[in-house]
Amino acid sequence: MQAFWLGHQRGVVQSTFRKWRLQNRPPVSTVPTVVVASRSIVTPTQCLESETSSSLPSRQRSISSPFDHQPTTAPTTLLFSPAAKKQHSVSHFHTHSCQLAQSRKGDSIGREEVIYVRRAMATLAAQSHVDLVLNVDNINPNVKAMEYAVRGPLVIRAGEIEKELAMGVKKPFTEVIKANIGDAQAMGQKPITFIRQVLSLVAYPDLLNSKEFPEDVKSRARAILESSRGSAGCYSDSAGLELVRNHVAQYIERRDGFPADPNNIVLCAGASEGIRSTLKMLSTVSGPRTGIMIPIPQYPLYSASIVEYNMEQAGYYLNEDNDWGLDVSELERAVNEARKRCNVRGIVVINPGNPTGQVLTRDNIVEVIKFAHREKLFIFADEVYQDNVYAHNRKFHSFKKVTKEMGDPYDKLELASFLSCSKGYMGECGLRGGYAEIVNMDPAVKALYLKSISAKLCPTVLGQAVMDCVVNPPQPGEPSYELFSKEKAAVLQSLSERASMIAKSFNSIPGIKCNTVQGAMYAFPEVKIPEKAIAKAKSLGQAPDVFYAFQLLEQTGMCCVPGSGFGQRPGTYHFRTTILPQPEKLQIMLDKFRSFQESFMKEYQ
């Protein structure tokens, strides 16, 4: 019965599609072959729009690389030609990274048939872009140019594979391991009891009458509810609840030994929002474009936001041979080179590092601060992994603390530092809590900054409640203290063991080299890709590390992010993987890496 229905639906779809195409297709002579840059994510709808558009892309188009200010000509991928029979088949509207596997014989509904109908129906529903106010030719070009590799084509393909497995499609693996993003709880980490108890009471105040919750949990929930006018459903001030901002300031003072002003604290929906809100204040609409120095490799939030805000990226390379250390000579090279094309006004430092896992020494931080003062730069201190330090010879030092210890004139530097409840031991990614501390900003500029964030109304109150738990945790003598301390220590100890485990394992695999994971939640190993594999990648219009990562995904089910998504020195290839899978799952993942690497090298050596 299912097979009969599916066959009927395919017939209806094909018939309707043919009629639609005949009514809307321009003359064949006016439609050139469509080619897109291989970095693009091409959907069936985009392909159809390209066919009906009168302004089609040329065989090669110049695009701006996110890690190089020079325009580059992207490798191209042939999608279809008007003269080819394949253009008449709905099932050919896809890219090489989303090709359909053969249906399994004997299935009542095969994977190809189901996806065939789904994609064909989506195509029929799409209108030609000439009928719409917005199309890819007239939208904000910065939105088109920005890229965010952590959720790019590889992750999209991983999602498709998960659906295929659920449909019963046979694979060489039974699950997809998404090691592409730092989502601790998705990888099996259990929430901290104290945080979830406070959230439960804030979200459902009737539970305050329950005897099942400790009194310190209740007292914190009552304080948050009182601050938020009795309900987490009420708007807070745009900068966040005053109670939580006071607690953040007290937390920073305990951490650094120097006072913090609650008026300099802005709560945000995760550190990412705080970073973007501050970063866009440096963008200009006249004169030379603003340049922002960012580490290479870097977290793609920065490269994406810089492009979106019409700024210039000024990349400085971290020293892989020195545990991804930061060399002042490289900073000077980068700023001098960048100032030939833009006005460099800010520098981003990620400490502990993402994706590289390094923890900067205090001496290194002092050098960066002196450099920023000398070059008159606004410092963005991305310190969201400050609780995640594993190396015995490393300690977290906040940039603010070091500027205060250095004294005048360095303690007058404009600086924004960031913390998130998504990382550390908390792993509350989906609740979107974070803060920015912004010091030494001109009062008039700060007023405009606060006006800017007011357009977003406020960060979620539940996210603010999580941040309150982080900066105002149980104290000795309180009922929740023992369990909280035990759970926090267990999470950080396990992460430390996994950090050591992953580096040792990668270094034991031929063709892979990995620095010590000193902190954060990631490893960024270098992989040697044979020339034969590089040539194969080029023939597919893919970067070598992208080809490697796709092969890894298709053969093992492991989803990692290619190093080109973060930036890397030319001629080197890397991938980022999290250390977050639980120990048993992590061992399975590493064993799969070893088998895949051996097979890959054997095939392409």
Protein backbone atom coordinates (compact mmCIF):
# COMPACT_ATOMS: atom_id res chain seq x y z
CA MET A 1 0.00 0.00 0.00
CA GLN A 2 2.84 2.38 0.90
CA ALA A 3 4.65 1.60 -2.35
CA PHE A 4 1.46 2.27 -4.35
CA TRP A 5 0.90 5.62 -2.59
CA LEU A 6 4.52 6.62 -3.11
CA GLY A 7 4.39 5.77 -6.79
CA HIS A 8 1.21 7.82 -7.17
CA GLN A 9 2.78 10.79 -5.37
CA ARG A 10 5.89 10.65 -7.54
CA GLY A 11 3.71 10.70 -10.62
CA VAL A 12 1.79 13.73 -9.38
CA VAL A 13 4.98 15.56 -8.44
CA GLN A 14 6.69 14.85 -11.77
CA SER A 15 3.63 15.86 -13.79
CA THR A 16 3.13 19.08 -11.85
CA PHE A 17 6.82 19.92 -12.00
CA ARG A 18 6.94 19.46 -15.79
CA LYS A 19 3.95 21.82 -16.24
CA TRP A 20 5.47 24.40 -13.88
CA ARG A 21 8.86 24.27 -15.59
CA LEU A 22 7.34 24.68 -19.07
CA GLN A 23 5.37 27.72 -17.91
CA ASN A 24 8.26 29.44 -16.16
CA ARG A 25 11.45 28.40 -17.92
CA PRO A 26 13.08 31.08 -20.10
CA PRO A 27 14.23 30.14 -23.61
CA VAL A 28 16.99 27.54 -23.53
CA SER A 29 19.31 29.77 -25.53
CA THR A 30 19.32 32.38 -22.77
CA VAL A 31 20.27 30.02 -19.94
CA PRO A 32 24.00 29.47 -19.53
CA THR A 33 25.55 26.62 -17.61
CA VAL A 34 25.22 27.26 -13.87
CA VAL A 35 28.35 27.05 -11.77
CA VAL A 36 28.68 28.03 -8.12
CA ALA A 37 31.66 28.47 -5.81
CA SER A 38 32.35 25.28 -3.92
CA ARG A 39 32.08 27.11 -0.59
CA SER A 40 28.41 27.78 -1.24
CA ILE A 41 25.63 25.70 0.21
CA VAL A 42 23.39 25.04 -2.76
CA THR A 43 19.80 24.01 -2.16
CA PRO A 44 17.32 22.67 -4.70
CA THR A 45 15.47 25.98 -4.56
CA GLN A 46 18.65 27.92 -5.33
CA CYS A 47 19.33 25.73 -8.32
CA LEU A 48 15.81 26.32 -9.60
CA GLU A 49 16.11 30.05 -9.08
CA SER A 50 19.38 30.03 -10.98
CA GLU A 51 17.65 28.30 -13.88
CA THR A 52 14.89 30.92 -14.07
CA SER A 53 17.04 33.96 -13.33
CA SER A 54 18.15 36.33 -16.03
CA SER A 55 21.27 37.30 -14.09
CA LEU A 56 23.22 34.12 -13.49
CA PRO A 57 26.68 33.70 -11.94
CA SER A 58 29.62 33.41 -14.26
CA ARG A 59 31.77 30.30 -14.51
CA GLN A 60 34.00 31.67 -11.80
CA ARG A 61 33.12 34.43 -9.38
CA SER A 62 35.41 36.35 -7.05
CA ILE A 63 34.61 35.86 -3.40
CA SER A 64 36.24 37.13 -0.27
CA SER A 65 38.01 34.47 1.77
CA PRO A 66 37.27 34.83 5.50
CA PHE A 67 40.95 34.38 6.33
CA ASP A 68 42.55 36.52 3.63
CA HIS A 69 41.76 40.11 2.67
CA GLN A 70 42.64 39.39 -0.95
CA PRO A 71 39.72 38.29 -3.13
CA THR A 72 40.06 34.70 -4.24
CA THR A 73 38.62 32.83 -7.15
CA ALA A 74 36.77 29.89 -5.73
CA PRO A 75 36.96 26.43 -7.28
CA THR A 76 33.71 25.75 -9.08
CA THR A 77 31.28 22.88 -9.04
CA LEU A 78 29.18 22.16 -12.11
CA LEU A 79 25.56 21.68 -11.11
CA PHE A 80 23.68 21.33 -14.39
CA SER A 81 23.60 22.44 -17.99
CA PRO A 82 20.49 23.31 -20.02
CA ALA A 83 21.63 20.94 -22.73
CA ALA A 84 21.97 18.03 -20.36
CA LYS A 85 19.17 15.54 -19.77
CA LYS A 86 19.83 15.72 -16.05
CA GLN A 87 18.20 19.12 -15.84
CA HIS A 88 14.83 17.47 -16.54
CA SER A 89 15.04 15.30 -13.42
CA VAL A 90 13.98 16.70 -10.06
CA SER A 91 16.33 14.31 -8.28
CA HIS A 92 19.40 16.08 -9.67
CA PHE A 93 18.76 19.31 -7.81
CA HIS A 94 21.44 18.78 -5.14
CA THR A 95 25.15 19.32 -4.55
CA HIS A 96 27.90 16.72 -4.50
CA SER A 97 27.87 16.75 -0.69
CA CYS A 98 24.18 15.76 -0.58
CA GLN A 99 24.12 13.05 -3.25
CA LEU A 100 21.57 10.31 -2.74
CA ALA A 101 22.65 6.76 -2.03
CA GLN A 102 21.01 3.85 -3.80
CA SER A 103 17.78 2.59 -2.24
CA ARG A 104 18.00 -0.71 -0.46
CA LYS A 105 16.38 -3.48 -2.43
CA GLY A 106 13.33 -4.92 -0.74
CA ASP A 107 12.44 -1.73 1.18
CA SER A 108 8.78 -0.77 0.89
CA ILE A 109 9.91 2.87 0.93
CA GLY A 110 13.57 3.45 0.01
CA ARG A 111 15.60 6.42 1.10
CA GLU A 112 15.92 7.72 -2.46
CA GLU A 113 12.17 7.68 -3.04
CA VAL A 114 11.34 9.48 0.19
CA ILE A 115 13.94 12.19 -0.30
CA TYR A 116 12.97 12.41 -3.99
CA VAL A 117 9.38 13.33 -3.12
CA ARG A 118 10.39 15.65 -0.27
CA ARG A 119 12.83 17.64 -2.37
CA ALA A 120 10.57 17.74 -5.40
CA MET A 121 7.70 19.08 -3.32
CA ALA A 122 9.99 21.73 -1.80
CA THR A 123 11.03 22.76 -5.30
CA LEU A 124 7.41 23.05 -6.46
CA ALA A 125 6.61 25.23 -3.44
CA ALA A 126 9.41 27.68 -4.23
CA GLN A 127 8.65 30.75 -6.28
CA SER A 128 10.99 32.22 -8.84
CA HIS A 129 12.93 34.97 -7.11
CA VAL A 130 11.85 37.55 -9.68
CA ASP A 131 8.40 37.50 -8.03
CA LEU A 132 9.75 38.31 -4.56
CA VAL A 133 10.93 41.50 -2.87
CA LEU A 134 14.05 39.72 -1.57
CA ASN A 135 16.32 37.59 -3.71
CA VAL A 136 19.96 36.55 -3.52
CA ASP A 137 20.96 39.43 -5.79
CA ASN A 138 19.49 42.23 -3.69
CA ILE A 139 19.88 41.16 -0.06
CA ASN A 140 22.61 42.51 2.21
CA PRO A 141 25.82 41.25 0.57
CA ASN A 142 27.50 40.91 3.96
CA VAL A 143 24.92 38.31 5.00
CA LYS A 144 25.76 36.32 1.86
CA ALA A 145 29.50 36.63 2.46
CA MET A 146 29.58 35.61 6.14
CA GLU A 147 30.28 31.97 6.99
CA TYR A 148 30.00 30.00 10.22
CA ALA A 149 31.83 26.72 9.80
CA VAL A 150 30.69 25.16 13.08
CA ARG A 151 27.19 24.80 11.60
CA GLY A 152 28.13 24.57 7.93
CA PRO A 153 27.60 21.99 5.14
CA LEU A 154 29.22 19.16 7.07
CA VAL A 155 26.79 19.55 9.94
CA ILE A 156 23.89 19.75 7.51
CA ARG A 157 25.04 16.49 5.95
CA ALA A 158 25.40 14.92 9.41
CA GLY A 159 21.76 15.79 10.10
CA GLU A 160 20.72 14.13 6.84
CA ILE A 161 22.66 11.00 7.75
CA GLU A 162 20.90 10.85 11.13
CA LYS A 163 17.56 10.87 9.32
CA GLU A 164 18.78 8.19 6.92
CA LEU A 165 19.80 5.96 9.82
CA ALA A 166 16.38 6.47 11.38
CA MET A 167 14.80 5.37 8.09
CA GLY A 168 16.81 2.15 8.20
CA VAL A 169 19.46 2.97 5.60
CA LYS A 170 22.48 0.73 6.11
CA LYS A 171 25.74 2.50 7.00
CA PRO A 172 29.16 1.37 8.21
CA PHE A 173 28.12 2.86 11.58
CA THR A 174 24.99 3.06 13.71
CA GLU A 175 25.10 6.64 14.98
CA VAL A 176 26.45 10.09 14.18
CA ILE A 177 28.87 11.50 16.74
CA LYS A 178 28.61 15.29 16.55
CA ALA A 179 32.02 16.40 17.76
CA ASN A 180 31.70 19.65 15.82
CA ILE A 181 30.34 21.88 18.57
CA GLY A 182 30.91 22.45 22.28
CA ASP A 183 27.50 21.23 23.45
CA ALA A 184 28.33 19.37 26.65
CA GLN A 185 24.89 18.13 27.62
CA ALA A 186 24.22 16.87 24.09
CA MET A 187 27.28 14.69 24.65
CA GLY A 188 25.95 13.20 27.88
CA GLN A 189 27.07 15.65 30.56
CA LYS A 190 24.48 15.84 33.34
CA PRO A 191 23.23 19.27 34.45
CA ILE A 192 24.41 20.62 37.79
CA THR A 193 21.67 19.90 40.34
CA PHE A 194 21.83 23.28 42.08
CA ILE A 195 21.42 25.20 38.82
CA ARG A 196 18.45 23.15 37.67
CA GLN A 197 16.75 23.35 41.07
CA VAL A 198 16.97 27.15 41.11
CA LEU A 199 15.69 27.27 37.53
CA SER A 200 12.77 25.01 38.40
CA LEU A 201 11.62 27.32 41.19
CA VAL A 202 12.12 30.47 39.10
CA ALA A 203 10.13 28.96 36.23
CA TYR A 204 7.39 27.53 38.47
CA PRO A 205 7.21 29.52 41.75
CA ASP A 206 4.55 27.22 43.26
CA LEU A 207 7.42 24.81 43.93
CA LEU A 208 8.71 27.21 46.56
CA ASN A 209 6.21 25.56 48.89
CA SER A 210 7.73 22.13 48.30
CA LYS A 211 9.89 20.52 50.98
CA GLU A 212 11.98 18.77 48.33
CA PHE A 213 14.20 21.79 47.65
CA PRO A 214 17.01 23.01 49.93
CA GLU A 215 16.56 26.39 51.58
CA ASP A 216 19.56 27.99 49.81
CA VAL A 217 17.97 27.06 46.49
CA LYS A 218 14.70 28.65 47.58
CA SER A 219 16.36 31.83 48.84
CA ARG A 220 18.14 32.37 45.52
CA ALA A 221 14.97 31.68 43.53
CA ARG A 222 12.98 34.11 45.69
CA ALA A 223 15.60 36.83 45.18
CA ILE A 224 15.59 36.36 41.41
CA LEU A 225 11.79 36.38 41.27
CA GLU A 226 11.62 39.52 43.41
CA SER A 227 14.14 41.20 41.13
CA SER A 228 12.12 40.19 38.06
CA ARG A 229 8.76 41.43 39.40
CA GLY A 230 7.55 38.00 40.42
CA SER A 231 7.87 36.10 37.17
CA ALA A 232 10.56 34.91 34.79
CA GLY A 233 8.11 35.84 32.05
CA CYS A 234 8.57 39.58 32.68
CA TYR A 235 11.01 41.73 30.76
CA SER A 236 14.13 42.74 32.65
CA ASP A 237 16.20 45.86 32.06
CA SER A 238 18.05 45.67 28.76
CA ALA A 239 21.36 45.26 30.59
CA GLY A 240 19.86 42.55 32.77
CA LEU A 241 18.51 42.18 36.30
CA GLU A 242 20.24 44.50 38.77
CA LEU A 243 20.51 41.66 41.30
CA VAL A 244 22.42 39.44 38.87
CA ARG A 245 24.67 42.28 37.71
CA ASN A 246 25.59 42.96 41.34
CA HIS A 247 26.43 39.30 41.84
CA VAL A 248 28.54 39.28 38.65
CA ALA A 249 30.51 42.28 39.93
CA GLN A 250 31.11 40.52 43.26
CA TYR A 251 32.24 37.37 41.42
CA ILE A 252 34.76 39.35 39.34
CA GLU A 253 36.09 41.06 42.48
CA ARG A 254 36.58 37.68 44.20
CA ARG A 255 38.32 36.33 41.08
CA ASP A 256 40.63 39.27 40.39
CA GLY A 257 41.08 41.00 43.73
CA PHE A 258 40.01 44.34 42.25
CA PRO A 259 36.61 46.04 42.48
CA ALA A 260 34.11 45.71 39.65
CA ASP A 261 31.30 48.14 38.90
CA PRO A 262 27.84 46.58 38.32
CA ASN A 263 27.13 49.42 35.90
CA ASN A 264 29.86 48.01 33.66
CA ILE A 265 28.15 44.62 33.55
CA VAL A 266 25.80 43.78 30.70
CA LEU A 267 23.98 40.43 30.79
CA CYS A 268 23.43 38.83 27.41
CA ALA A 269 21.97 35.76 25.73
CA GLY A 270 25.24 33.86 25.76
CA ALA A 271 28.68 35.42 25.36
CA SER A 272 28.22 35.45 21.57
CA GLU A 273 25.53 38.13 21.76
CA GLY A 274 27.68 40.24 24.07
CA ILE A 275 30.64 39.94 21.72
CA ARG A 276 28.59 40.88 18.66
CA SER A 277 26.89 43.81 20.42
CA THR A 278 30.26 45.24 21.43
CA LEU A 279 31.99 44.45 18.16
CA LYS A 280 29.48 46.30 16.00
CA MET A 281 30.16 49.52 17.93
CA LEU A 282 33.52 49.69 16.14
CA SER A 283 32.03 49.48 12.64
CA THR A 284 31.97 52.64 10.56
CA VAL A 285 30.04 53.73 7.47
CA SER A 286 32.51 56.29 6.14
CA GLY A 287 36.26 56.44 5.72
CA PRO A 288 38.52 53.38 5.93
CA ARG A 289 36.84 50.22 7.13
CA THR A 290 37.51 49.13 10.69
CA GLY A 291 40.02 46.31 11.08
CA ILE A 292 39.79 43.79 13.92
CA MET A 293 42.77 41.59 14.79
CA ILE A 294 41.73 37.99 15.41
CA PRO A 295 43.81 34.88 16.07
CA ILE A 296 44.25 32.29 13.34
CA PRO A 297 42.92 29.70 14.08
CA GLN A 298 39.90 31.48 15.59
CA TYR A 299 36.32 30.85 16.61
CA PRO A 300 34.26 31.56 13.44
CA LEU A 301 31.89 33.85 15.34
CA TYR A 302 34.52 36.55 14.85
CA SER A 303 35.20 36.15 11.14
CA ALA A 304 31.45 35.86 10.46
CA SER A 305 30.55 38.93 12.51
CA ILE A 306 33.38 41.01 11.06
CA VAL A 307 32.07 40.33 7.57
CA GLU A 308 28.46 40.95 8.58
CA TYR A 309 29.37 44.32 10.11
CA ASN A 310 31.37 45.35 7.03
CA MET A 311 34.71 45.34 8.80
CA GLU A 312 38.11 43.93 7.85
CA GLN A 313 39.74 40.91 9.39
CA ALA A 314 43.37 41.27 10.41
CA GLY A 315 44.49 37.75 11.21
CA TYR A 316 47.51 36.97 13.35
CA TYR A 317 48.81 33.40 13.38
CA LEU A 318 49.21 31.49 16.62
CA ASN A 319 52.43 29.52 16.91
CA GLU A 320 51.53 25.84 16.65
CA ASP A 321 55.13 24.80 17.35
CA ASN A 322 54.97 26.64 20.67
CA ASP A 323 51.70 25.17 22.02
CA TRP A 324 49.70 27.68 19.98
CA GLY A 325 51.42 30.53 21.77
CA LEU A 326 51.07 34.19 20.83
CA ASP A 327 54.15 35.97 19.43
CA VAL A 328 54.36 39.77 19.60
CA SER A 329 56.43 39.83 16.40
CA GLU A 330 53.50 38.17 14.62
CA LEU A 331 51.10 40.74 16.08
CA GLU A 332 53.29 43.53 14.74
CA ARG A 333 53.49 41.93 11.30
CA ALA A 334 49.73 41.50 11.19
CA VAL A 335 48.85 45.04 12.27
CA ASN A 336 51.35 46.64 9.89
CA GLU A 337 50.06 44.58 6.99
CA ALA A 338 46.41 45.27 7.85
CA ARG A 339 46.88 49.03 8.14
CA LYS A 340 47.69 49.16 4.46
CA ARG A 341 44.02 48.47 3.77
CA CYS A 342 42.01 49.37 6.89
CA ASN A 343 41.95 51.20 10.21
CA VAL A 344 42.81 48.58 12.84
CA ARG A 345 40.94 49.44 16.04
CA GLY A 346 40.54 46.24 18.03
CA ILE A 347 42.19 42.95 18.96
CA VAL A 348 40.50 39.68 19.96
CA VAL A 349 42.23 37.25 22.31
CA ILE A 350 40.59 33.91 23.12
CA ASN A 351 41.95 32.53 26.37
CA PRO A 352 41.72 29.59 26.95
CA GLY A 353 41.80 29.07 23.22
CA ASN A 354 39.10 27.91 20.85
CA PRO A 355 39.80 25.85 18.75
CA THR A 356 43.39 25.41 19.88
CA GLY A 357 43.05 24.64 23.60
CA GLN A 358 46.01 26.73 24.74
CA VAL A 359 46.13 28.76 27.96
CA LEU A 360 48.17 31.96 27.81
CA THR A 361 50.83 32.62 30.41
CA ARG A 362 50.71 35.86 32.37
CA ASP A 363 53.84 37.07 30.60
CA ASN A 364 52.17 36.49 27.26
CA ILE A 365 49.13 38.50 28.39
CA VAL A 366 51.38 41.36 29.53
CA GLU A 367 52.95 41.45 26.06
CA VAL A 368 49.53 41.60 24.40
CA ILE A 369 48.40 44.41 26.71
CA LYS A 370 51.53 46.45 25.95
CA PHE A 371 51.00 45.87 22.25
CA ALA A 372 47.35 46.96 22.47
CA HIS A 373 48.36 50.12 24.33
CA ARG A 374 51.11 50.91 21.85
CA GLU A 375 48.80 50.42 18.87
CA LYS A 376 45.74 52.01 20.57
CA LEU A 377 43.47 48.98 20.31
CA PHE A 378 40.24 48.01 22.05
CA ILE A 379 40.75 44.57 23.68
CA PHE A 380 38.13 41.83 23.34
CA ALA A 381 39.00 39.25 26.00
CA ASP A 382 37.03 36.09 25.20
CA GLU A 383 37.35 34.24 28.52
CA VAL A 384 34.38 31.89 28.38
CA TYR A 385 36.54 28.85 29.17
CA GLN A 386 38.16 30.32 32.28
CA ASP A 387 37.04 27.34 34.40
CA ASN A 388 38.44 24.89 31.84
CA VAL A 389 42.17 24.78 32.60
CA TYR A 390 43.72 21.30 32.73
CA ALA A 391 47.49 21.68 32.30
CA HIS A 392 49.34 21.66 35.62
CA ASN A 393 51.75 24.36 34.45
CA ARG A 394 48.99 26.76 33.40
CA LYS A 395 46.65 29.07 35.29
CA PHE A 396 43.90 31.36 34.08
CA HIS A 397 44.67 35.09 34.31
CA SER A 398 41.97 37.54 33.32
CA PHE A 399 43.02 40.43 31.10
CA LYS A 400 41.33 42.90 33.43
CA LYS A 401 43.26 41.63 36.43
CA VAL A 402 46.59 41.87 34.61
CA THR A 403 45.87 45.43 33.40
CA LYS A 404 45.07 46.42 37.00
CA GLU A 405 48.28 44.79 38.26
CA MET A 406 50.30 46.59 35.59
CA GLY A 407 48.82 49.95 36.64
CA ASP A 408 48.93 53.21 34.73
CA PRO A 409 48.65 53.61 31.74
CA TYR A 410 47.57 50.02 31.01
CA ASP A 411 44.68 50.00 33.47
CA LYS A 412 43.08 52.75 31.36
CA LEU A 413 42.78 50.54 28.27
CA GLU A 414 39.31 50.02 26.80
CA LEU A 415 38.50 46.38 27.36
CA ALA A 416 35.51 44.05 27.19
CA SER A 417 35.65 40.58 28.74
CA PHE A 418 33.07 37.82 28.35
CA LEU A 419 31.81 34.77 30.22
CA SER A 420 29.10 32.26 29.28
CA CYS A 421 27.08 29.67 31.14
CA SER A 422 27.40 27.40 28.07
CA LYS A 423 30.97 26.34 28.89
CA GLY A 424 32.97 25.73 32.06
CA TYR A 425 31.41 23.00 34.17
CA MET A 426 27.83 24.22 33.52
CA GLY A 427 27.21 23.26 29.89
CA GLU A 428 23.89 25.13 29.80
CA CYS A 429 24.21 26.04 26.11
CA GLY A 430 20.53 26.17 25.24
CA LEU A 431 19.54 28.47 28.10
CA ARG A 432 21.67 31.30 26.64
CA GLY A 433 23.20 33.09 29.60
CA GLY A 434 26.31 35.22 29.66
CA TYR A 435 27.79 38.57 30.57
CA ALA A 436 30.11 41.24 29.24
CA GLU A 437 32.17 43.50 31.50
CA ILE A 438 33.02 46.69 29.61
CA VAL A 439 35.60 48.94 31.26
CA ASN A 440 37.02 52.37 30.41
CA MET A 441 34.44 53.04 27.70
CA ASP A 442 33.67 56.70 27.06
CA PRO A 443 30.42 57.51 28.96
CA ALA A 444 28.78 58.99 25.86
CA VAL A 445 29.70 55.90 23.84
CA LYS A 446 28.47 53.65 26.62
CA ALA A 447 25.10 55.42 26.60
CA LEU A 448 24.82 54.75 22.88
CA TYR A 449 25.86 51.13 23.42
CA LEU A 450 23.09 50.67 25.98
CA LYS A 451 20.65 52.28 23.57
CA SER A 452 21.75 49.80 20.91
CA ILE A 453 21.15 46.72 23.07
CA SER A 454 17.79 48.09 24.22
CA ALA A 455 16.43 47.30 20.75
CA LYS A 456 16.74 43.61 21.74
CA LEU A 457 14.64 44.35 24.85
CA CYS A 458 16.45 41.96 27.20
CA PRO A 459 18.20 38.61 27.46
CA THR A 460 16.05 35.71 28.64
CA VAL A 461 15.43 35.87 32.37
CA LEU A 462 16.02 32.12 32.76
CA GLY A 463 19.43 32.58 31.17
CA GLN A 464 20.13 35.36 33.64
CA ALA A 465 19.08 33.02 36.44
CA VAL A 466 21.66 30.47 35.29
CA MET A 467 24.35 33.14 35.30
CA ASP A 468 23.32 34.10 38.83
CA CYS A 469 23.87 30.49 39.91
CA VAL A 470 27.33 30.54 38.31
CA VAL A 471 28.50 33.76 39.97
CA ASN A 472 26.63 33.19 43.24
CA PRO A 473 27.11 29.45 43.89
CA PRO A 474 26.46 27.65 47.18
CA GLN A 475 28.89 28.62 49.95
CA PRO A 476 30.38 26.42 52.68
CA GLY A 477 27.76 25.66 55.29
CA GLU A 478 24.81 25.95 52.90
CA PRO A 479 22.73 22.80 52.22
CA SER A 480 23.64 22.57 48.51
CA TYR A 481 27.37 23.21 48.90
CA GLU A 482 28.61 19.62 49.23
CA LEU A 483 26.70 18.22 46.25
CA PHE A 484 27.46 21.27 44.11
CA SER A 485 31.19 21.05 44.84
CA LYS A 486 31.23 17.33 44.16
CA GLU A 487 29.43 17.64 40.80
CA LYS A 488 31.54 20.59 39.65
CA ALA A 489 34.80 18.85 40.53
CA ALA A 490 33.70 15.63 38.82
CA VAL A 491 32.88 17.42 35.55
CA LEU A 492 36.18 19.31 35.45
CA GLN A 493 38.23 16.26 36.43
CA SER A 494 36.61 14.16 33.71
CA LEU A 495 37.24 16.89 31.12
CA SER A 496 40.87 17.04 32.20
CA GLU A 497 41.24 13.28 31.75
CA ARG A 498 39.58 13.42 28.33
CA ALA A 499 41.84 16.31 27.27
CA SER A 500 44.90 14.18 28.05
CA MET A 501 43.37 11.09 26.48
CA ILE A 502 42.54 12.76 23.17
CA ALA A 503 45.98 14.36 22.68
CA LYS A 504 47.81 11.11 23.47
CA SER A 505 45.60 9.10 21.14
CA PHE A 506 45.94 11.49 18.20
CA ASN A 507 49.72 11.60 18.61
CA SER A 508 49.84 7.81 18.40
CA ILE A 509 48.09 7.80 14.99
CA PRO A 510 50.40 8.05 11.96
CA GLY A 511 49.88 11.27 10.02
CA ILE A 512 48.23 13.17 12.90
CA LYS A 513 49.94 15.56 15.32
CA CYS A 514 48.16 17.19 18.27
CA ASN A 515 49.34 19.73 20.81
CA THR A 516 48.51 19.30 24.48
CA VAL A 517 44.97 20.38 25.25
CA GLN A 518 45.78 22.80 28.08
CA GLY A 519 42.24 24.11 28.43
CA ALA A 520 38.85 24.80 26.83
CA MET A 521 36.95 21.91 25.20
CA TYR A 522 38.68 21.18 21.91
CA ALA A 523 41.64 19.64 20.16
CA PHE A 524 42.91 21.02 16.85
CA PRO A 525 45.17 18.30 15.41
CA GLU A 526 47.18 18.72 12.25
CA VAL A 527 46.66 15.98 9.68
CA LYS A 528 49.00 15.18 6.81
CA ILE A 529 46.93 14.79 3.65
CA PRO A 530 48.65 12.91 0.77
CA GLU A 531 49.01 14.60 -2.63
CA LYS A 532 46.71 12.03 -4.20
CA ALA A 533 43.95 13.00 -1.75
CA ILE A 534 44.60 16.70 -2.38
CA ALA A 535 44.18 16.10 -6.10
CA LYS A 536 40.96 14.18 -5.46
CA ALA A 537 39.63 17.04 -3.34
CA LYS A 538 40.50 19.54 -6.07
CA SER A 539 38.62 17.47 -8.65
CA LEU A 540 35.52 17.71 -6.43
CA GLY A 541 35.92 21.45 -5.87
CA GLN A 542 36.67 20.93 -2.18
CA ALA A 543 39.47 22.09 0.09
CA PRO A 544 41.63 19.10 1.13
CA ASP A 545 40.63 19.29 4.78
CA VAL A 546 36.96 19.60 3.80
CA PHE A 547 37.31 16.48 1.66
CA TYR A 548 38.97 14.70 4.59
CA ALA A 549 36.20 15.71 6.99
CA PHE A 550 33.44 14.61 4.59
CA GLN A 551 35.13 11.24 4.09
CA LEU A 552 35.43 10.88 7.86
CA LEU A 553 31.73 11.62 8.26
CA GLU A 554 30.51 9.32 5.49
CA GLN A 555 32.68 6.40 6.56
CA THR A 556 32.56 6.64 10.36
CA GLY A 557 29.64 8.92 11.30
CA MET A 558 31.97 11.34 13.10
CA CYS A 559 31.28 15.01 12.46
CA CYS A 560 34.26 17.31 12.98
CA VAL A 561 34.96 20.76 11.57
CA PRO A 562 37.71 21.20 8.95
CA GLY A 563 40.51 23.54 9.95
CA SER A 564 39.83 25.86 7.04
CA GLY A 565 36.66 26.91 8.87
CA PHE A 566 38.82 28.40 11.63
CA GLY A 567 41.82 29.46 9.57
CA GLN A 568 45.24 27.82 9.37
CA ARG A 569 48.64 28.48 7.88
CA PRO A 570 48.72 27.83 4.12
CA GLY A 571 49.83 24.32 3.31
CA THR A 572 48.69 22.87 6.65
CA TYR A 573 45.49 20.95 7.32
CA HIS A 574 43.64 20.51 10.60
CA PHE A 575 40.29 19.61 12.07
CA ARG A 576 38.60 20.59 15.31
CA THR A 577 36.99 18.03 17.54
CA THR A 578 35.51 18.47 20.98
CA ILE A 579 36.69 16.52 24.00
CA LEU A 580 33.08 16.36 25.23
CA PRO A 581 31.95 12.80 24.38
CA GLN A 582 31.79 10.82 27.59
CA PRO A 583 34.89 8.63 28.20
CA GLU A 584 33.43 5.42 26.78
CA LYS A 585 32.08 7.21 23.69
CA LEU A 586 35.32 9.15 23.32
CA GLN A 587 37.32 5.93 23.22
CA ILE A 588 35.04 4.59 20.50
CA MET A 589 35.50 7.84 18.58
CA LEU A 590 39.29 7.69 18.84
CA ASP A 591 39.36 4.07 17.73
CA LYS A 592 37.31 5.04 14.70
CA PHE A 593 39.73 7.88 13.98
CA ARG A 594 42.62 5.45 13.99
CA SER A 595 40.91 3.00 11.65
CA PHE A 596 39.78 5.76 9.31
CA GLN A 597 43.19 7.43 9.17
CA GLU A 598 44.93 4.14 8.40
CA SER A 599 42.42 3.37 5.67
CA PHE A 600 42.57 6.90 4.25
CA MET A 601 46.37 6.91 4.10
CA LYS A 602 46.41 3.47 2.51
CA GLU A 603 43.97 4.57 -0.19
CA TYR A 604 45.65 7.86 -1.06
CA GLN A 605 49.32 7.32 -0.19
